[in-house]
Amino acid sequence: MKKVTPSKSLVFLPLLATLISGCSFVELKPEADTVKTLTADQAVNCKSVGTATTKVIDEVMYISRNEETMAEELEILARNEAIKSGANAIVPISEIEEGQRTFKVYICP
């Protein structure tokens, strides 16, 4: 049986705390900087060009991640996806479930 020494535990604990905390590891692509997140009412005059479903890890070692952090990461991923279709706006159309959220993707004037 392998024995875990205190020094190994001390290295692991800060790593676990970082993963569980609000730290985000998702980066916005520079070209996605112009993609805005709107409400459905704000997108009334925009043209829908599809949807983007994004997913992040929702728990680490059976501990749920911070909902706000996941929402921010999912939005960043959706903005990154929107640029692939030439879109400049996204609207969340679902709640976050198991680390996943769907966004409608738009081209707005």
Foldseek 3Di string as FASTA:
>chain_A
DDDDDPVNVVVVVVVVVCVQALDADADADPVLPQAEEDEPVVCPQWDWDFKDKDFDQQDDPPHGHDQVSLVVRRVSVRSNVLVVVPFRYWYWDDGQDNRMTMITTTHHD
